[in-house]
């Protein structure tokens, strides 16, 4: 049986991937910093990528579902022999590269550098690399985007949104991201490349939020406000310690189209994500 070494199996995409495993896929060695109970086909190992050496053997696939930069550093320094590497990145490598927020530009730079370092390390070791860049992930109530908005709406029954928040979005379900990772790991022949993973529907930001509220916080409503009013409120919230990660870059992107081509992933991986039709359970942790 094939053997996969998987990182991030406790995260939202990892949970979805674990549920999609079928008998005969592979024996999965899953790495976690905390103790986990073994399950069918899954053996858990305790380890922190800061200083952890994988069991010495050749793996059919290494699958990273956690932070790309952390995994890239580990693989460079300590990675074992693997026939292929499948790693999650993010479309933030595109969307935040010219953000007015230094922290967001730094994130995009770190993602880009991690992709290059991982590609170089894989080339040096003869491993085929597949990088998957999902867009805005939702579906298991563990994201910090739509689930946070729904949580706010459940409490306050109203969600303020600037009038310019009409930029296009392609929310992608965690299970569809997991399916792409599994397709890359399962494929009889490697599927090397860097693939954006948008969701199956492109819609304006405000419509995306409306659908999320209708499903997860029925009766809550959007309050459209002028951009300067929203900007002032956002800065006041940041000043109190709330929404500390919501900077000017986030506000700017609300009006920008963040839409990506799924055709390359479809051709290489059979990627076929669902349209955005949320249910209440998708926002429950």
C-alpha atoms as a PDB file:
ATOM      1  CA  UNK A   1       0.000   0.000   0.000  1.00  0.00           C
ATOM      2  CA  UNK A   2       1.133   3.525  -0.705  1.00  0.00           C
ATOM      3  CA  UNK A   3       2.243   5.695   2.190  1.00  0.00           C
ATOM      4  CA  UNK A   4       1.506   9.387   2.535  1.00  0.00           C
ATOM      5  CA  UNK A   5       2.941  11.744   5.122  1.00  0.00           C
ATOM      6  CA  UNK A   6       0.307  14.438   5.796  1.00  0.00           C
ATOM      7  CA  UNK A   7       0.558  17.712   7.708  1.00  0.00           C
ATOM      8  CA  UNK A   8      -2.441  19.777   8.780  1.00  0.00           C
ATOM      9  CA  UNK A   9      -4.982  16.975   9.039  1.00  0.00           C
ATOM     10  CA  UNK A  10      -6.623  18.675  12.039  1.00  0.00           C
ATOM     11  CA  UNK A  11      -7.331  21.907  10.110  1.00  0.00           C
ATOM     12  CA  UNK A  12     -10.475  22.613   8.132  1.00  0.00           C
ATOM     13  CA  UNK A  13      -9.162  21.241   4.841  1.00  0.00           C
ATOM     14  CA  UNK A  14      -7.512  18.368   6.697  1.00  0.00           C
ATOM     15  CA  UNK A  15     -10.769  17.351   8.366  1.00  0.00           C
ATOM     16  CA  UNK A  16     -12.473  17.348   4.968  1.00  0.00           C
ATOM     17  CA  UNK A  17      -9.642  15.322   3.448  1.00  0.00           C
ATOM     18  CA  UNK A  18      -9.776  12.762   6.243  1.00  0.00           C
ATOM     19  CA  UNK A  19     -13.511  12.296   5.662  1.00  0.00           C
ATOM     20  CA  UNK A  20     -12.903  11.764   1.950  1.00  0.00           C
ATOM     21  CA  UNK A  21     -10.294   9.030   2.348  1.00  0.00           C
ATOM     22  CA  UNK A  22     -11.391   5.633   1.074  1.00  0.00           C
ATOM     23  CA  UNK A  23      -9.974   2.162   1.780  1.00  0.00           C
ATOM     24  CA  UNK A  24      -7.045   1.508  -0.475  1.00  0.00           C
ATOM     25  CA  UNK A  25      -6.034   5.157  -0.896  1.00  0.00           C
ATOM     26  CA  UNK A  26      -2.835   4.910   1.137  1.00  0.00           C
ATOM     27  CA  UNK A  27      -1.669   4.427   4.685  1.00  0.00           C
ATOM     28  CA  UNK A  28      -1.583   7.945   6.073  1.00  0.00           C
ATOM     29  CA  UNK A  29       0.982   9.050   8.614  1.00  0.00           C
ATOM     30  CA  UNK A  30      -0.467  12.278  10.008  1.00  0.00           C
ATOM     31  CA  UNK A  31       1.689  14.731  11.944  1.00  0.00           C
ATOM     32  CA  UNK A  32       0.235  16.812  14.780  1.00  0.00           C
ATOM     33  CA  UNK A  33       1.665  18.801  17.667  1.00  0.00           C
ATOM     34  CA  UNK A  34      -0.953  17.290  19.986  1.00  0.00           C
ATOM     35  CA  UNK A  35      -1.891  13.677  20.638  1.00  0.00           C
ATOM     36  CA  UNK A  36      -4.573  12.239  18.342  1.00  0.00           C
ATOM     37  CA  UNK A  37      -6.278   8.857  18.271  1.00  0.00           C
ATOM     38  CA  UNK A  38      -5.394   6.593  15.358  1.00  0.00           C
ATOM     39  CA  UNK A  39      -8.222   5.766  12.968  1.00  0.00           C
ATOM     40  CA  UNK A  40      -8.778   3.495   9.991  1.00  0.00           C
ATOM     41  CA  UNK A  41      -5.853   3.980   7.655  1.00  0.00           C
ATOM     42  CA  UNK A  42      -4.449   6.886   9.684  1.00  0.00           C
ATOM     43  CA  UNK A  43      -1.555   6.694  12.149  1.00  0.00           C
ATOM     44  CA  UNK A  44      -0.818   9.868  14.112  1.00  0.00           C
ATOM     45  CA  UNK A  45       2.692  11.042  14.904  1.00  0.00           C
ATOM     46  CA  UNK A  46       3.623  13.757  17.413  1.00  0.00           C
ATOM     47  CA  UNK A  47       5.799  16.410  15.875  1.00  0.00           C
ATOM     48  CA  UNK A  48       6.440  20.101  15.442  1.00  0.00           C
ATOM     49  CA  UNK A  49       7.892  21.174  12.114  1.00  0.00           C
ATOM     50  CA  UNK A  50      10.290  23.473  13.892  1.00  0.00           C
ATOM     51  CA  UNK A  51      12.408  20.459  14.831  1.00  0.00           C
ATOM     52  CA  UNK A  52      10.982  17.143  13.706  1.00  0.00           C
ATOM     53  CA  UNK A  53      12.499  14.367  11.652  1.00  0.00           C
ATOM     54  CA  UNK A  54      10.161  12.123   9.685  1.00  0.00           C
ATOM     55  CA  UNK A  55      10.580   8.360   9.918  1.00  0.00           C
ATOM     56  CA  UNK A  56      13.237   7.376   7.405  1.00  0.00           C
ATOM     57  CA  UNK A  57      11.550   5.868   4.378  1.00  0.00           C
ATOM     58  CA  UNK A  58      10.428   6.855   0.895  1.00  0.00           C
ATOM     59  CA  UNK A  59       6.917   8.290   0.778  1.00  0.00           C
ATOM     60  CA  UNK A  60       4.633   8.170  -2.199  1.00  0.00           C
ATOM     61  CA  UNK A  61       3.380  11.638  -1.300  1.00  0.00           C
ATOM     62  CA  UNK A  62       3.966  14.416   1.205  1.00  0.00           C
ATOM     63  CA  UNK A  63       0.809  16.480   1.664  1.00  0.00           C
ATOM     64  CA  UNK A  64       0.924  19.839   3.455  1.00  0.00           C
ATOM     65  CA  UNK A  65      -2.405  21.442   4.387  1.00  0.00           C
ATOM     66  CA  UNK A  66      -0.961  23.983   6.818  1.00  0.00           C
ATOM     67  CA  UNK A  67       1.143  27.150   6.473  1.00  0.00           C
ATOM     68  CA  UNK A  68       3.186  26.922   3.305  1.00  0.00           C
ATOM     69  CA  UNK A  69       6.213  28.853   4.565  1.00  0.00           C
ATOM     70  CA  UNK A  70       6.583  26.619   7.648  1.00  0.00           C
ATOM     71  CA  UNK A  71       6.376  23.479   5.547  1.00  0.00           C
ATOM     72  CA  UNK A  72       8.828  24.808   2.943  1.00  0.00           C
ATOM     73  CA  UNK A  73      11.437  25.575   5.614  1.00  0.00           C
ATOM     74  CA  UNK A  74      11.025  22.116   7.124  1.00  0.00           C
ATOM     75  CA  UNK A  75      11.206  20.317   3.796  1.00  0.00           C
ATOM     76  CA  UNK A  76      14.341  22.228   2.823  1.00  0.00           C
ATOM     77  CA  UNK A  77      16.094  21.301   6.055  1.00  0.00           C
ATOM     78  CA  UNK A  78      14.653  17.949   7.112  1.00  0.00           C
ATOM     79  CA  UNK A  79      12.297  16.628   4.432  1.00  0.00           C
ATOM     80  CA  UNK A  80      12.450  12.921   3.618  1.00  0.00           C
ATOM     81  CA  UNK A  81      12.517  11.315   0.196  1.00  0.00           C
ATOM     82  CA  UNK A  82       9.148  11.609  -1.520  1.00  0.00           C
ATOM     83  CA  UNK A  83       7.953  10.917  -5.043  1.00  0.00           C
ATOM     84  CA  UNK A  84       5.587  13.882  -5.019  1.00  0.00           C
ATOM     85  CA  UNK A  85       4.746  16.853  -2.813  1.00  0.00           C
ATOM     86  CA  UNK A  86       1.284  18.426  -2.613  1.00  0.00           C
ATOM     87  CA  UNK A  87       1.101  21.705  -0.695  1.00  0.00           C
ATOM     88  CA  UNK A  88      -1.548  24.335  -0.032  1.00  0.00           C
ATOM     89  CA  UNK A  89      -0.675  27.928  -0.718  1.00  0.00           C
ATOM     90  CA  UNK A  90      -3.169  30.742  -1.193  1.00  0.00           C
ATOM     91  CA  UNK A  91      -4.376  33.182  -3.840  1.00  0.00           C
ATOM     92  CA  UNK A  92      -3.202  35.818  -1.344  1.00  0.00           C
ATOM     93  CA  UNK A  93       0.079  35.473  -3.204  1.00  0.00           C
ATOM     94  CA  UNK A  94      -1.712  37.429  -5.951  1.00  0.00           C
ATOM     95  CA  UNK A  95      -4.280  39.556  -4.139  1.00  0.00           C
ATOM     96  CA  UNK A  96      -2.123  40.954  -1.327  1.00  0.00           C
ATOM     97  CA  UNK A  97       1.130  41.596  -3.153  1.00  0.00           C
ATOM     98  CA  UNK A  98       0.364  45.304  -3.604  1.00  0.00           C
ATOM     99  CA  UNK A  99      -1.707  45.847  -0.441  1.00  0.00           C
ATOM    100  CA  UNK A 100      -1.359  49.180   1.394  1.00  0.00           C
ATOM    101  CA  UNK A 101      -0.834  47.126   4.576  1.00  0.00           C
ATOM    102  CA  UNK A 102       2.767  46.104   5.170  1.00  0.00           C
ATOM    103  CA  UNK A 103       1.714  42.920   6.983  1.00  0.00           C
ATOM    104  CA  UNK A 104      -0.313  41.785   3.977  1.00  0.00           C
ATOM    105  CA  UNK A 105       2.495  42.558   1.532  1.00  0.00           C
ATOM    106  CA  UNK A 106       4.795  40.562   3.788  1.00  0.00           C
ATOM    107  CA  UNK A 107       2.372  37.630   3.714  1.00  0.00           C
ATOM    108  CA  UNK A 108       2.257  37.655  -0.082  1.00  0.00           C
ATOM    109  CA  UNK A 109       6.059  37.863  -0.234  1.00  0.00           C
ATOM    110  CA  UNK A 110       6.436  34.957   2.200  1.00  0.00           C
ATOM    111  CA  UNK A 111       4.014  32.828   0.186  1.00  0.00           C
ATOM    112  CA  UNK A 112       5.838  33.584  -3.050  1.00  0.00           C
ATOM    113  CA  UNK A 113       9.236  32.878  -1.491  1.00  0.00           C
ATOM    114  CA  UNK A 114       7.933  29.648   0.034  1.00  0.00           C
ATOM    115  CA  UNK A 115       6.693  28.444  -3.341  1.00  0.00           C
ATOM    116  CA  UNK A 116      10.088  29.123  -4.905  1.00  0.00           C
ATOM    117  CA  UNK A 117      12.033  27.512  -2.068  1.00  0.00           C
ATOM    118  CA  UNK A 118       9.804  24.452  -2.111  1.00  0.00           C
ATOM    119  CA  UNK A 119      10.099  24.167  -5.892  1.00  0.00           C
ATOM    120  CA  UNK A 120      13.891  24.330  -5.674  1.00  0.00           C
ATOM    121  CA  UNK A 121      14.021  21.736  -2.886  1.00  0.00           C
ATOM    122  CA  UNK A 122      11.715  19.375  -4.780  1.00  0.00           C
ATOM    123  CA  UNK A 123      13.751  19.761  -7.967  1.00  0.00           C
ATOM    124  CA  UNK A 124      16.913  18.960  -6.042  1.00  0.00           C
ATOM    125  CA  UNK A 125      15.389  15.786  -4.618  1.00  0.00           C
ATOM    126  CA  UNK A 126      13.554  14.563  -7.684  1.00  0.00           C
ATOM    127  CA  UNK A 127      10.073  15.128  -6.262  1.00  0.00           C
ATOM    128  CA  UNK A 128       7.195  16.450  -8.367  1.00  0.00           C
ATOM    129  CA  UNK A 129       5.532  19.489  -6.787  1.00  0.00           C
ATOM    130  CA  UNK A 130       1.867  20.471  -6.917  1.00  0.00           C
ATOM    131  CA  UNK A 131       0.959  23.786  -5.249  1.00  0.00           C
ATOM    132  CA  UNK A 132      -2.750  24.471  -4.706  1.00  0.00           C
ATOM    133  CA  UNK A 133      -3.901  28.041  -4.077  1.00  0.00           C
ATOM    134  CA  UNK A 134      -7.463  28.176  -2.742  1.00  0.00           C
ATOM    135  CA  UNK A 135      -9.454  31.375  -2.615  1.00  0.00           C
ATOM    136  CA  UNK A 136     -11.777  32.220   0.297  1.00  0.00           C
ATOM    137  CA  UNK A 137     -12.402  28.898   2.090  1.00  0.00           C
ATOM    138  CA  UNK A 138     -15.688  28.176   3.880  1.00  0.00           C
ATOM    139  CA  UNK A 139     -17.794  25.162   4.788  1.00  0.00           C
ATOM    140  CA  UNK A 140     -16.784  23.838   8.206  1.00  0.00           C
ATOM    141  CA  UNK A 141     -17.289  26.916  10.383  1.00  0.00           C
ATOM    142  CA  UNK A 142     -13.577  27.253  11.047  1.00  0.00           C
ATOM    143  CA  UNK A 143     -12.699  30.038   8.637  1.00  0.00           C
ATOM    144  CA  UNK A 144     -12.035  33.632   9.690  1.00  0.00           C
ATOM    145  CA  UNK A 145     -13.992  35.174   6.853  1.00  0.00           C
ATOM    146  CA  UNK A 146     -17.620  34.236   6.265  1.00  0.00           C
ATOM    147  CA  UNK A 147     -18.011  32.381   9.555  1.00  0.00           C
ATOM    148  CA  UNK A 148     -16.818  35.458  11.423  1.00  0.00           C
ATOM    149  CA  UNK A 149     -19.315  37.635   9.540  1.00  0.00           C
ATOM    150  CA  UNK A 150     -22.132  35.184  10.304  1.00  0.00           C
ATOM    151  CA  UNK A 151     -21.102  35.074  13.968  1.00  0.00           C
ATOM    152  CA  UNK A 152     -21.234  38.873  14.122  1.00  0.00           C
ATOM    153  CA  UNK A 153     -24.661  38.868  12.473  1.00  0.00           C
ATOM    154  CA  UNK A 154     -26.037  36.316  14.912  1.00  0.00           C
ATOM    155  CA  UNK A 155     -25.045  38.534  17.791  1.00  0.00           C
ATOM    156  CA  UNK A 156     -25.900  41.986  16.456  1.00  0.00           C
ATOM    157  CA  UNK A 157     -28.504  41.124  13.780  1.00  0.00           C
ATOM    158  CA  UNK A 158     -26.960  43.620  11.407  1.00  0.00           C
ATOM    159  CA  UNK A 159     -23.794  43.703   9.311  1.00  0.00           C
ATOM    160  CA  UNK A 160     -22.522  47.078   8.053  1.00  0.00           C
ATOM    161  CA  UNK A 161     -20.928  46.944   4.639  1.00  0.00           C
ATOM    162  CA  UNK A 162     -19.525  49.778   2.497  1.00  0.00           C
ATOM    163  CA  UNK A 163     -21.421  50.595  -0.663  1.00  0.00           C
ATOM    164  CA  UNK A 164     -18.339  49.790  -2.736  1.00  0.00           C
ATOM    165  CA  UNK A 165     -18.270  46.155  -1.527  1.00  0.00           C
ATOM    166  CA  UNK A 166     -19.161  44.695  -4.915  1.00  0.00           C
ATOM    167  CA  UNK A 167     -15.841  43.136  -5.949  1.00  0.00           C
ATOM    168  CA  UNK A 168     -16.122  39.635  -7.357  1.00  0.00           C
ATOM    169  CA  UNK A 169     -15.412  36.619  -5.169  1.00  0.00           C
ATOM    170  CA  UNK A 170     -15.230  32.833  -5.658  1.00  0.00           C
ATOM    171  CA  UNK A 171     -15.707  31.201  -2.239  1.00  0.00           C
ATOM    172  CA  UNK A 172     -14.496  27.607  -2.209  1.00  0.00           C
ATOM    173  CA  UNK A 173     -15.740  24.827   0.060  1.00  0.00           C
ATOM    174  CA  UNK A 174     -13.088  23.120   2.192  1.00  0.00           C
ATOM    175  CA  UNK A 175     -14.174  19.737   0.825  1.00  0.00           C
ATOM    176  CA  UNK A 176     -13.470  20.892  -2.741  1.00  0.00           C
ATOM    177  CA  UNK A 177      -9.968  21.990  -1.741  1.00  0.00           C
ATOM    178  CA  UNK A 178      -9.468  18.607  -0.066  1.00  0.00           C
ATOM    179  CA  UNK A 179     -10.688  16.852  -3.221  1.00  0.00           C
ATOM    180  CA  UNK A 180      -8.071  18.680  -5.289  1.00  0.00           C
ATOM    181  CA  UNK A 181      -5.324  17.684  -2.851  1.00  0.00           C
ATOM    182  CA  UNK A 182      -6.489  14.076  -2.942  1.00  0.00           C
ATOM    183  CA  UNK A 183      -6.615  14.116  -6.728  1.00  0.00           C
ATOM    184  CA  UNK A 184      -3.003  15.295  -6.838  1.00  0.00           C
ATOM    185  CA  UNK A 185      -1.916  12.609  -4.357  1.00  0.00           C
ATOM    186  CA  UNK A 186      -3.941   9.812  -5.968  1.00  0.00           C
ATOM    187  CA  UNK A 187      -3.142  10.492  -9.621  1.00  0.00           C
ATOM    188  CA  UNK A 188      -1.362   7.590 -11.331  1.00  0.00           C
ATOM    189  CA  UNK A 189       1.101  10.087 -12.792  1.00  0.00           C
ATOM    190  CA  UNK A 190       2.271  13.280 -11.040  1.00  0.00           C
ATOM    191  CA  UNK A 191       0.375  16.498 -11.691  1.00  0.00           C
ATOM    192  CA  UNK A 192       3.093  19.127 -11.203  1.00  0.00           C
ATOM    193  CA  UNK A 193       2.246  22.814 -11.336  1.00  0.00           C
ATOM    194  CA  UNK A 194       0.818  25.725  -9.395  1.00  0.00           C
ATOM    195  CA  UNK A 195      -2.957  25.831  -9.537  1.00  0.00           C
ATOM    196  CA  UNK A 196      -5.427  28.444  -8.324  1.00  0.00           C
ATOM    197  CA  UNK A 197      -8.500  26.863  -6.706  1.00  0.00           C
ATOM    198  CA  UNK A 198     -11.493  29.193  -6.963  1.00  0.00           C
ATOM    199  CA  UNK A 199     -14.979  28.092  -6.036  1.00  0.00           C
ATOM    200  CA  UNK A 200     -17.522  27.081  -8.622  1.00  0.00           C
ATOM    201  CA  UNK A 201     -19.372  30.403  -8.735  1.00  0.00           C
ATOM    202  CA  UNK A 202     -18.267  34.005  -9.196  1.00  0.00           C
ATOM    203  CA  UNK A 203     -20.441  36.564  -7.415  1.00  0.00           C
ATOM    204  CA  UNK A 204     -20.202  40.087  -5.959  1.00  0.00           C
ATOM    205  CA  UNK A 205     -18.960  40.402  -2.402  1.00  0.00           C
ATOM    206  CA  UNK A 206     -22.242  41.811  -1.107  1.00  0.00           C
ATOM    207  CA  UNK A 207     -24.245  38.993  -2.685  1.00  0.00           C
ATOM    208  CA  UNK A 208     -21.894  36.452  -1.137  1.00  0.00           C
ATOM    209  CA  UNK A 209     -22.513  37.991   2.293  1.00  0.00           C
ATOM    210  CA  UNK A 210     -26.280  38.096   1.717  1.00  0.00           C
ATOM    211  CA  UNK A 211     -26.357  34.380   0.967  1.00  0.00           C
ATOM    212  CA  UNK A 212     -24.209  33.600   3.999  1.00  0.00           C
ATOM    213  CA  UNK A 213     -26.533  35.607   6.263  1.00  0.00           C
ATOM    214  CA  UNK A 214     -29.671  34.067   4.791  1.00  0.00           C
ATOM    215  CA  UNK A 215     -28.303  30.610   5.570  1.00  0.00           C
ATOM    216  CA  UNK A 216     -26.441  31.194   8.815  1.00  0.00           C
ATOM    217  CA  UNK A 217     -28.173  34.169  10.455  1.00  0.00           C
ATOM    218  CA  UNK A 218     -31.759  34.356   9.138  1.00  0.00           C
ATOM    219  CA  UNK A 219     -33.340  37.735   9.819  1.00  0.00           C
ATOM    220  CA  UNK A 220     -30.027  39.580  10.036  1.00  0.00           C
ATOM    221  CA  UNK A 221     -29.576  42.244   7.397  1.00  0.00           C
ATOM    222  CA  UNK A 222     -26.935  44.204   5.612  1.00  0.00           C
ATOM    223  CA  UNK A 223     -26.622  47.902   6.340  1.00  0.00           C
ATOM    224  CA  UNK A 224     -25.001  49.642   3.372  1.00  0.00           C
ATOM    225  CA  UNK A 225     -23.051  52.711   4.451  1.00  0.00           C
ATOM    226  CA  UNK A 226     -20.837  55.241   2.672  1.00  0.00           C
ATOM    227  CA  UNK A 227     -17.229  54.140   2.417  1.00  0.00           C
ATOM    228  CA  UNK A 228     -15.870  56.952   4.656  1.00  0.00           C
ATOM    229  CA  UNK A 229     -18.322  55.993   7.395  1.00  0.00           C
ATOM    230  CA  UNK A 230     -17.335  52.334   7.166  1.00  0.00           C
ATOM    231  CA  UNK A 231     -13.634  53.234   7.161  1.00  0.00           C
ATOM    232  CA  UNK A 232     -14.059  55.328  10.306  1.00  0.00           C
ATOM    233  CA  UNK A 233     -15.932  52.551  12.070  1.00  0.00           C
ATOM    234  CA  UNK A 234     -13.298  50.032  11.071  1.00  0.00           C
ATOM    235  CA  UNK A 235     -10.502  52.146  12.473  1.00  0.00           C
ATOM    236  CA  UNK A 236     -12.396  52.670  15.725  1.00  0.00           C
ATOM    237  CA  UNK A 237     -12.877  48.903  16.020  1.00  0.00           C
ATOM    238  CA  UNK A 238      -9.168  48.331  15.447  1.00  0.00           C
ATOM    239  CA  UNK A 239      -8.370  50.916  18.103  1.00  0.00           C
ATOM    240  CA  UNK A 240     -10.312  48.917  20.694  1.00  0.00           C
ATOM    241  CA  UNK A 241      -8.466  45.717  19.788  1.00  0.00           C
ATOM    242  CA  UNK A 242     -11.340  44.281  17.771  1.00  0.00           C
ATOM    243  CA  UNK A 243     -10.820  43.372  14.135  1.00  0.00           C
ATOM    244  CA  UNK A 244      -7.111  43.935  14.560  1.00  0.00           C
ATOM    245  CA  UNK A 245      -6.458  42.116  11.284  1.00  0.00           C
ATOM    246  CA  UNK A 246      -8.900  44.250   9.261  1.00  0.00           C
ATOM    247  CA  UNK A 247      -6.672  46.903   7.732  1.00  0.00           C
ATOM    248  CA  UNK A 248      -6.970  49.333   4.854  1.00  0.00           C
ATOM    249  CA  UNK A 249      -5.974  46.575   2.460  1.00  0.00           C
ATOM    250  CA  UNK A 250      -9.046  44.565   3.394  1.00  0.00           C
ATOM    251  CA  UNK A 251     -11.265  47.581   2.814  1.00  0.00           C
ATOM    252  CA  UNK A 252      -9.681  48.243  -0.580  1.00  0.00           C
ATOM    253  CA  UNK A 253     -10.177  44.636  -1.704  1.00  0.00           C
ATOM    254  CA  UNK A 254     -13.923  44.778  -1.015  1.00  0.00           C
ATOM    255  CA  UNK A 255     -14.272  46.726  -4.255  1.00  0.00           C
ATOM    256  CA  UNK A 256     -11.731  44.695  -6.235  1.00  0.00           C
ATOM    257  CA  UNK A 257     -12.474  41.671  -8.398  1.00  0.00           C
ATOM    258  CA  UNK A 258     -10.585  38.669  -7.036  1.00  0.00           C
ATOM    259  CA  UNK A 259     -11.478  36.058  -9.634  1.00  0.00           C
ATOM    260  CA  UNK A 260      -9.217  33.286 -10.897  1.00  0.00           C
ATOM    261  CA  UNK A 261      -9.249  30.710 -13.663  1.00  0.00           C
ATOM    262  CA  UNK A 262     -10.130  27.183 -12.564  1.00  0.00           C
ATOM    263  CA  UNK A 263      -9.523  25.656 -16.016  1.00  0.00           C
ATOM    264  CA  UNK A 264      -5.894  24.580 -15.353  1.00  0.00           C
ATOM    265  CA  UNK A 265      -6.899  22.763 -12.138  1.00  0.00           C
ATOM    266  CA  UNK A 266      -9.874  21.194 -13.893  1.00  0.00           C
ATOM    267  CA  UNK A 267      -7.686  19.909 -16.725  1.00  0.00           C
ATOM    268  CA  UNK A 268      -4.917  18.570 -14.480  1.00  0.00           C
ATOM    269  CA  UNK A 269      -6.907  17.386 -11.454  1.00  0.00           C
ATOM    270  CA  UNK A 270     -10.512  17.008 -12.569  1.00  0.00           C
ATOM    271  CA  UNK A 271     -11.306  19.917 -10.272  1.00  0.00           C
ATOM    272  CA  UNK A 272     -15.048  20.648 -10.209  1.00  0.00           C
ATOM    273  CA  UNK A 273     -15.985  22.892  -7.258  1.00  0.00           C
ATOM    274  CA  UNK A 274     -19.579  23.475  -6.180  1.00  0.00           C
ATOM    275  CA  UNK A 275     -21.455  26.766  -6.546  1.00  0.00           C
ATOM    276  CA  UNK A 276     -21.900  28.910  -3.460  1.00  0.00           C
ATOM    277  CA  UNK A 277     -25.087  27.580  -1.870  1.00  0.00           C
ATOM    278  CA  UNK A 278     -24.379  27.735   1.875  1.00  0.00           C
ATOM    279  CA  UNK A 279     -26.372  26.096   4.638  1.00  0.00           C
ATOM    280  CA  UNK A 280     -26.479  26.957   8.336  1.00  0.00           C
ATOM    281  CA  UNK A 281     -24.267  24.005   9.240  1.00  0.00           C
ATOM    282  CA  UNK A 282     -21.428  25.350   7.126  1.00  0.00           C
ATOM    283  CA  UNK A 283     -20.900  28.114   9.682  1.00  0.00           C
ATOM    284  CA  UNK A 284     -20.949  25.864  12.762  1.00  0.00           C
ATOM    285  CA  UNK A 285     -17.487  24.962  14.162  1.00  0.00           C
END
